[in-house]
Protein backbone atom coordinates (compact mmCIF):
# COMPACT_ATOMS: atom_id res chain seq x y z
CA MET A 1 24.01 27.42 33.19
CA SER A 2 22.07 24.92 31.29
CA ILE A 3 21.05 25.34 27.83
CA LYS A 4 17.42 25.01 26.85
CA GLY A 5 16.32 26.55 23.63
CA PHE A 6 16.29 24.69 20.24
CA ASN A 7 18.60 27.12 18.68
CA SER A 8 21.00 27.37 21.37
CA LYS A 9 21.39 23.66 21.69
CA ALA A 10 21.83 23.56 17.80
CA VAL A 11 24.63 25.93 17.83
CA HIS A 12 26.38 24.87 20.70
CA ALA A 13 25.64 21.22 22.00
CA GLY A 14 28.07 18.73 21.31
CA ASP A 15 30.84 21.01 19.95
CA LEU A 16 34.07 19.18 20.40
CA TYR A 17 36.57 22.06 21.94
CA ILE A 18 40.35 21.47 22.15
CA PRO A 19 41.87 23.92 24.74
CA GLU A 20 45.21 23.71 23.28
CA ILE A 21 43.88 24.59 19.74
CA GLY A 22 41.12 27.21 20.88
CA ASN A 23 38.89 25.93 17.96
CA VAL A 24 35.18 27.37 17.74
CA THR A 25 33.71 24.34 15.59
CA THR A 26 34.53 20.82 15.86
CA PRO A 27 37.48 19.81 13.35
CA ILE A 28 37.24 17.44 10.72
CA PHE A 29 39.05 14.02 11.78
CA GLU A 30 39.70 12.11 8.53
CA ASP A 31 41.54 9.47 10.63
CA SER A 32 40.95 5.66 9.89
CA THR A 33 43.02 4.71 13.14
CA TYR A 34 43.88 6.12 16.41
CA ARG A 35 46.58 5.45 19.00
CA TYR A 36 45.53 2.80 21.17
CA PRO A 37 45.87 2.42 23.99
CA ASN A 38 45.74 6.38 24.39
CA ASN A 39 46.49 7.00 28.09
CA SER A 40 46.56 10.81 27.88
CA GLU A 41 44.81 12.14 30.87
CA SER A 42 42.71 14.52 28.79
CA THR A 43 41.58 11.68 26.18
CA ILE A 44 38.11 11.85 24.88
CA ILE A 45 35.96 8.72 24.96
CA ASP A 46 34.36 7.04 22.23
CA ASN A 47 30.56 6.64 23.05
CA THR A 48 30.48 3.28 21.05
CA SER A 49 33.00 1.24 23.06
CA LYS A 50 33.42 3.56 26.16
CA SER A 51 36.97 3.46 25.64
CA THR A 52 39.51 5.56 23.61
CA PHE A 53 38.95 5.94 19.91
CA LEU A 54 40.35 2.81 17.97
CA TYR A 55 39.24 2.59 14.42
CA SER A 56 36.74 4.96 12.44
CA ARG A 57 34.43 2.18 11.48
CA TRP A 58 33.65 1.99 15.15
CA GLY A 59 33.48 5.52 16.09
CA ASN A 60 35.06 8.87 14.93
CA PRO A 61 35.23 12.20 17.06
CA THR A 62 33.63 14.40 14.18
CA VAL A 63 31.00 11.68 13.86
CA GLN A 64 30.42 11.49 17.51
CA SER A 65 30.02 15.50 17.71
CA PHE A 66 27.23 15.37 15.25
CA GLU A 67 25.63 12.53 17.25
CA ASN A 68 25.91 14.56 20.53
CA LYS A 69 24.35 17.46 18.98
CA TYR A 70 21.58 15.45 17.34
CA LYS A 71 20.59 13.69 20.53
CA SER A 72 20.38 16.78 22.37
CA LEU A 73 17.53 18.14 20.00
CA GLU A 74 15.84 14.68 19.58
CA LYS A 75 15.86 14.47 23.46
CA THR A 76 17.25 11.27 23.50
CA ASP A 77 20.11 9.55 25.71
CA HIS A 78 21.79 7.84 22.37
CA ALA A 79 22.37 8.70 18.89
CA VAL A 80 24.16 6.65 16.05
CA ALA A 81 24.82 8.14 12.67
CA PHE A 82 24.92 6.25 9.30
CA SER A 83 26.10 6.64 5.81
CA SER A 84 22.54 6.87 4.64
CA GLY A 85 18.93 6.97 5.99
CA MET A 86 18.69 3.34 4.47
CA GLY A 87 21.58 2.57 6.42
CA ALA A 88 20.16 3.56 9.61
CA ILE A 89 16.83 2.07 8.81
CA THR A 90 18.44 -1.21 7.97
CA ALA A 91 20.64 -1.58 10.78
CA THR A 92 18.00 -0.43 13.49
CA VAL A 93 15.69 -3.26 12.17
CA LEU A 94 17.99 -6.08 11.59
CA SER A 95 19.51 -5.21 15.11
CA ILE A 96 16.01 -6.10 16.61
CA MET A 97 14.23 -8.41 14.58
CA LYS A 98 15.16 -11.95 14.06
CA SER A 99 13.74 -14.74 11.86
CA GLY A 100 10.36 -15.93 13.19
CA ASP A 101 9.55 -12.21 14.53
CA LYS A 102 6.73 -10.21 13.15
CA MET A 103 6.46 -6.38 12.70
CA LEU A 104 3.58 -3.98 11.38
CA ALA A 105 4.32 -1.23 9.34
CA ILE A 106 1.98 1.47 7.54
CA ASN A 107 1.46 0.71 3.76
CA VAL A 108 2.70 4.01 2.54
CA LEU A 109 6.47 4.24 2.91
CA TYR A 110 9.51 5.79 1.26
CA GLY A 111 9.79 3.45 -1.73
CA GLN A 112 13.09 1.72 -0.79
CA THR A 113 11.82 0.90 2.86
CA TYR A 114 8.78 -0.63 1.36
CA TYR A 115 11.24 -2.88 -0.59
CA PHE A 116 13.27 -3.79 2.25
CA PHE A 117 10.18 -4.67 4.25
CA ALA A 118 7.94 -6.22 1.60
CA ARG A 119 11.03 -8.16 -0.15
CA THR A 120 14.38 -8.32 1.74
CA LEU A 121 12.97 -9.11 5.32
CA LYS A 122 10.83 -11.90 3.82
CA SER A 123 13.84 -13.67 2.96
CA TYR A 124 15.05 -13.62 6.48
CA GLY A 125 11.80 -15.12 7.97
CA ILE A 126 10.66 -12.02 9.20
CA THR A 127 6.97 -11.02 8.69
CA VAL A 128 5.79 -7.74 7.93
CA ASP A 129 2.25 -6.90 7.96
CA MET A 130 0.82 -3.71 6.47
CA VAL A 131 -2.18 -1.40 7.23
CA SER A 132 -3.22 1.94 6.10
CA VAL A 133 -2.48 5.03 8.04
CA ASP A 134 -6.09 5.45 9.11
CA ASP A 135 -6.34 1.79 10.38
CA MET A 136 -3.05 2.23 12.44
CA ASN A 137 -4.51 5.49 13.70
CA LYS A 138 -7.67 3.87 14.75
CA LEU A 139 -5.52 1.03 16.34
CA ASN A 140 -7.37 -1.53 14.07
CA ILE A 141 -4.74 -3.67 14.59
CA SER A 142 -4.88 -7.40 14.63
CA LYS A 143 -4.14 -9.81 17.48
CA GLU A 144 -0.72 -10.53 16.06
CA ASN A 145 2.19 -10.99 18.12
CA TYR A 146 4.33 -8.17 16.77
CA LYS A 147 7.60 -7.29 18.16
CA MET A 148 7.80 -3.90 16.44
CA ILE A 149 5.46 -1.15 14.95
CA TYR A 150 7.16 0.88 12.12
CA ILE A 151 5.74 4.04 11.14
CA GLU A 152 6.72 7.30 9.26
CA SER A 153 5.41 10.30 11.16
CA ILE A 154 4.60 12.09 8.01
CA PRO A 155 4.27 9.41 5.37
CA ASN A 156 5.77 9.74 1.89
CA PRO A 157 4.42 10.98 -0.24
CA LEU A 158 0.98 11.61 0.74
CA MET A 159 1.73 13.87 3.84
CA ASP A 160 -0.83 11.84 6.11
CA VAL A 161 0.12 12.13 9.52
CA LEU A 162 0.29 9.58 12.16
CA ASP A 163 -1.20 9.94 15.62
CA ILE A 164 2.08 8.96 17.54
CA LYS A 165 0.82 9.82 21.17
CA LYS A 166 -2.03 7.29 20.62
CA ILE A 167 -0.05 4.74 18.77
CA GLY A 168 2.79 4.98 21.48
CA GLU A 169 0.27 4.43 24.34
CA TYR A 170 -0.97 1.33 22.43
CA CYS A 171 2.73 0.01 22.03
CA ARG A 172 3.67 0.86 25.64
CA LYS A 173 0.49 -1.10 27.12
CA LYS A 174 1.21 -3.93 24.62
CA GLY A 175 5.06 -4.00 25.13
CA ILE A 176 5.78 -3.49 21.52
CA ILE A 177 8.85 -1.63 20.10
CA LEU A 178 7.59 1.64 18.25
CA VAL A 179 10.12 2.94 15.56
CA VAL A 180 9.21 6.24 13.99
CA ASP A 181 10.88 7.82 10.93
CA ALA A 182 10.54 11.22 11.54
CA THR A 183 12.57 12.60 8.73
CA PHE A 184 9.69 14.66 6.99
CA ALA A 185 8.87 16.59 10.54
CA SER A 186 12.60 16.98 11.61
CA PRO A 187 13.68 17.50 15.24
CA TYR A 188 12.31 20.95 15.30
CA ASN A 189 8.89 20.30 14.23
CA GLN A 190 8.59 16.85 16.07
CA THR A 191 10.44 14.93 18.61
CA PRO A 192 8.56 11.45 18.75
CA VAL A 193 10.20 10.38 21.96
CA ASP A 194 7.82 12.89 23.83
CA PHE A 195 4.85 10.42 22.35
CA GLY A 196 6.47 7.23 23.54
CA ALA A 197 8.74 6.33 20.34
CA ASP A 198 11.42 3.98 21.28
CA ILE A 199 13.64 4.75 18.37
CA ILE A 200 13.57 7.78 16.01
CA ILE A 201 15.27 7.76 12.62
CA HIS A 202 16.03 10.41 10.29
CA SER A 203 17.56 10.79 6.84
CA GLY A 204 19.89 13.28 7.66
CA THR A 205 20.33 13.95 4.11
CA LYS A 206 17.04 15.92 4.24
CA TYR A 207 16.29 18.68 6.65
CA ILE A 208 19.17 18.02 9.10
CA GLY A 209 21.93 18.52 6.37
CA GLY A 210 19.76 20.97 4.43
CA HIS A 211 21.73 21.84 1.55
CA SER A 212 21.27 18.82 -0.58
CA ASP A 213 24.98 18.04 -0.37
CA ILE A 214 25.44 15.09 1.59
CA LEU A 215 24.17 11.43 2.40
CA ILE A 216 23.66 10.62 6.11
CA GLY A 217 21.33 8.78 8.44
CA VAL A 218 20.89 9.10 12.36
CA VAL A 219 19.13 7.14 14.91
CA GLY A 220 18.11 8.19 18.38
CA CYS A 221 16.96 6.07 21.34
CA ASN A 222 16.99 6.34 25.38
CA SER A 223 17.50 2.26 25.45
CA ASP A 224 21.23 1.21 26.23
CA ASP A 225 20.30 -2.15 24.80
CA TYR A 226 18.86 -0.85 21.56
CA TYR A 227 21.98 1.57 21.33
CA ASN A 228 24.40 -1.38 21.80
CA GLY A 229 22.50 -3.26 19.24
CA ILE A 230 22.47 -0.74 16.66
CA VAL A 231 26.00 0.35 17.03
CA GLY A 232 26.97 -3.52 16.57
CA MET A 233 25.18 -3.67 13.38
CA ARG A 234 26.34 -0.44 12.12
CA LYS A 235 30.01 -2.23 12.68
CA THR A 236 28.83 -5.31 11.02
CA LEU A 237 27.38 -3.73 8.10
CA GLY A 238 30.10 -0.93 7.66
CA ALA A 239 27.81 1.77 7.46
CA THR A 240 29.47 4.36 9.46
CA PRO A 241 29.42 7.96 7.65
CA ASP A 242 32.71 9.64 6.65
CA ALA A 243 34.05 12.26 8.67
CA PHE A 244 33.41 15.09 6.42
CA GLN A 245 29.80 14.06 5.76
CA ALA A 246 29.36 14.13 9.45
CA TYR A 247 30.93 17.64 9.53
CA LEU A 248 28.30 18.70 6.93
CA ALA A 249 25.49 17.38 8.94
CA TYR A 250 26.97 18.90 12.23
CA ARG A 251 26.98 22.19 10.46
CA GLY A 252 23.53 21.85 9.07
CA LEU A 253 22.08 21.10 12.68
CA LYS A 254 23.37 24.54 13.65
CA THR A 255 20.75 26.28 11.43
CA LEU A 256 18.20 23.75 11.54
CA GLY A 257 15.81 25.65 13.41
CA LEU A 258 16.15 28.95 11.34
CA ARG A 259 15.63 27.02 8.11
CA MET A 260 12.40 25.26 9.29
CA GLU A 261 10.66 28.40 10.55
CA ARG A 262 11.01 29.32 6.89
CA HIS A 263 10.19 26.07 5.35
CA ASN A 264 6.93 26.23 7.73
CA ILE A 265 6.03 29.48 6.60
CA ASN A 266 6.62 28.96 2.89
CA GLY A 267 5.03 25.50 3.08
CA MET A 268 1.68 26.93 4.50
CA LYS A 269 1.42 29.77 1.89
CA ILE A 270 2.25 27.63 -1.13
CA ALA A 271 -0.22 24.70 0.28
CA GLU A 272 -2.66 27.46 0.41
CA PHE A 273 -2.08 28.89 -2.93
CA LEU A 274 -2.32 25.23 -4.61
CA SER A 275 -5.62 24.70 -2.84
CA SER A 276 -7.02 27.63 -4.82
CA SER A 277 -6.13 26.53 -8.12
CA ASP A 278 -8.70 24.81 -10.45
CA LYS A 279 -6.15 23.10 -12.18
CA ILE A 280 -5.55 20.86 -8.80
CA MET A 281 -7.73 18.15 -7.75
CA GLU A 282 -6.48 17.65 -4.31
CA VAL A 283 -3.61 19.18 -2.00
CA PHE A 284 -1.95 17.00 0.57
CA TYR A 285 -0.41 19.24 3.54
CA PRO A 286 -0.55 18.50 7.09
CA GLY A 287 -1.31 22.17 7.93
CA LEU A 288 -4.46 22.64 5.86
CA ARG A 289 -7.33 23.34 8.23
CA GLN A 290 -9.46 21.45 5.55
CA GLY A 291 -7.07 18.47 5.28
CA LYS A 292 -8.19 14.94 6.61
CA TYR A 293 -5.14 14.73 9.48
CA TYR A 294 -5.28 18.40 10.50
CA GLU A 295 -6.48 17.51 13.99
CA ILE A 296 -4.11 15.15 14.30
CA ALA A 297 -1.17 17.35 12.97
CA LYS A 298 -2.09 19.79 15.41
CA THR A 299 -1.36 17.49 18.55
CA ASN A 300 1.81 15.67 16.85
CA LEU A 301 3.43 18.45 15.29
CA ARG A 302 5.03 21.93 16.27
CA GLY A 303 5.10 23.01 12.67
CA PHE A 304 3.79 21.65 9.22
CA GLY A 305 7.20 21.73 7.08
CA GLY A 306 7.88 22.50 3.63
CA MET A 307 6.59 19.19 2.08
CA ILE A 308 3.60 19.34 -0.29
CA SER A 309 1.85 16.83 -2.82
CA PHE A 310 -0.67 17.31 -5.16
CA LYS A 311 -2.68 15.93 -7.92
CA LEU A 312 -2.97 17.79 -11.19
CA LYS A 313 -5.87 17.34 -13.14
CA GLY A 314 -4.78 15.12 -15.97
CA GLY A 315 -2.06 12.55 -16.05
CA ILE A 316 1.59 11.69 -16.74
CA ALA A 317 1.65 14.05 -19.63
CA GLU A 318 0.17 17.11 -17.82
CA SER A 319 2.41 16.26 -14.89
CA HIS A 320 5.55 16.53 -17.34
CA LYS A 321 4.32 19.71 -18.81
CA PHE A 322 3.87 21.40 -15.52
CA ILE A 323 7.16 20.30 -14.15
CA GLY A 324 9.12 21.26 -17.42
CA SER A 325 7.63 24.62 -17.31
CA LEU A 326 8.80 25.65 -13.74
CA GLU A 327 11.95 27.97 -13.45
CA ILE A 328 12.77 27.82 -9.61
CA PRO A 329 11.83 24.20 -8.08
CA MET A 330 14.49 21.80 -9.95
CA PRO A 331 13.24 18.36 -10.92
CA ALA A 332 15.20 16.06 -8.56
CA VAL A 333 14.55 13.61 -5.94
CA SER A 334 15.26 14.10 -2.33
CA LEU A 335 14.02 17.11 -0.07
CA GLY A 336 14.29 19.38 2.75
CA GLY A 337 17.30 21.59 1.42
CA VAL A 338 17.29 25.38 1.02
CA GLU A 339 16.18 24.95 -2.71
CA SER A 340 13.00 23.93 -3.85
CA LEU A 341 12.86 20.40 -5.56
CA ILE A 342 9.88 18.68 -7.37
CA THR A 343 9.33 14.87 -8.56
CA ILE A 344 6.76 12.64 -9.83
CA PRO A 345 7.07 9.84 -7.11
CA ALA A 346 5.45 6.99 -9.23
CA GLU A 347 8.73 7.52 -11.77
CA THR A 348 11.30 8.14 -9.12
CA THR A 349 10.84 7.66 -5.01
CA HIS A 350 8.12 4.86 -5.64
CA SER A 351 9.19 3.40 -8.71
CA GLU A 352 10.06 -0.05 -7.47
CA MET A 353 6.71 -0.50 -6.21
CA SER A 354 4.48 -2.29 -8.85
CA GLU A 355 1.74 -0.37 -10.66
CA GLU A 356 -0.92 -2.29 -8.58
CA GLU A 357 0.82 -1.36 -5.43
CA ARG A 358 1.03 2.25 -6.29
CA ASN A 359 -2.44 2.74 -7.43
CA LYS A 360 -3.34 0.77 -3.98
CA SER A 361 -1.52 3.38 -2.16
CA GLY A 362 -2.88 6.62 -3.96
CA ILE A 363 0.35 7.32 -5.53
CA THR A 364 -0.97 7.83 -9.23
CA ASP A 365 0.73 9.29 -12.21
CA ASN A 366 -0.76 12.74 -11.57
CA LEU A 367 0.65 12.79 -7.97
CA ILE A 368 3.40 15.65 -7.57
CA ARG A 369 5.63 15.97 -4.52
CA LEU A 370 7.01 19.58 -3.81
CA SER A 371 9.98 20.28 -1.48
CA VAL A 372 9.64 23.84 -0.42
CA GLY A 373 12.92 25.65 -0.04
CA ILE A 374 13.57 28.88 1.79
CA GLU A 375 13.17 31.03 -1.43
CA ASP A 376 10.81 34.01 -1.20
CA SER A 377 7.33 32.60 -1.18
CA GLU A 378 6.20 35.35 -3.53
CA ASP A 379 8.88 34.02 -6.43
CA LEU A 380 7.59 30.51 -6.02
CA ILE A 381 4.01 31.30 -6.16
CA GLU A 382 4.35 33.45 -9.13
CA ASP A 383 6.27 30.53 -10.87
CA LEU A 384 3.88 27.85 -9.92
CA GLN A 385 0.92 30.07 -11.34
CA GLN A 386 2.73 30.55 -14.65
CA ALA A 387 3.29 26.87 -15.08
CA LEU A 388 -0.34 25.83 -14.25
CA ALA A 389 -1.40 28.28 -16.82
CA LYS A 390 0.41 26.09 -19.46
CA ILE A 391 -1.44 22.97 -18.82
């Protein structure tokens, strides 16, 4: 019998079962090194070397179990886990792009990704051009010979939505590698490989882990060449995750579908409530029918998630007062956990951008980003209501 359902695969796919022990879940292999060669008849093969396990910077059984579970949900042939989402991003790009190459990205990105593209890659002789989300969606792309297009499916922090289906068709026609950071969607709400993405990246710290207690990244792809290159770069950079971090991510994947159902429900309710407040100028959420990207979201997403941004009437003082008055959402960066978190991107996730860069991207001082957790929506709305009443 082949397991087809998302939750069934989330629970069972990739589990490492050892008959001699009869374990129900994958064990945590805190081994740095392994017997080599291992001539046991029932030896388990390391995906990265196609041989027995040798050294945990190369491959680890617990890490591999997480990778195998993830790729079953992402619908890719390969997966590579990293010690952080930025480890996944840097290793992926550096494994493909070389001095003299050109890539195109959207100009609204996670702050550290933006820094890596705009500053670090320049020193390596790699040209990175950036266009707006709207220009990318309209394929208003110059005639440059781009080797790669890099997008976030739901860019941070303004919750725009990229038309991956349209961009994927363009990339296939032009022979361009399409890389999609789908962290905000999660594999439950979106599988970019369905729309022609070549490589998918997640900060597993977020929805995949789901409990704000790990740092991990993961990459999925179908190409053997991309996989081997990314694995080789992981070895070189030393960005392999620890077995315990991988175990927590593996465990988090088991409940991803259930958690995302609640995030989707809560996100919609909170977005609708915020849209009705006269203290708020604008709400950014893919699921709002009046939203600019709703039609694209309908065809590119199976659910709209728990990430919301909104602009308060006022400036930084009002933003601080509002957040300081909340009792449930904690002021903290990161996202995708069971608990609600709230932050001011201009002061945190995008603080390394210049003020000019932030303003150009719409990241103003009164922009607030809310990661809606799985608490009862009634409690969250009541808390937001009392905080709004104080500004």
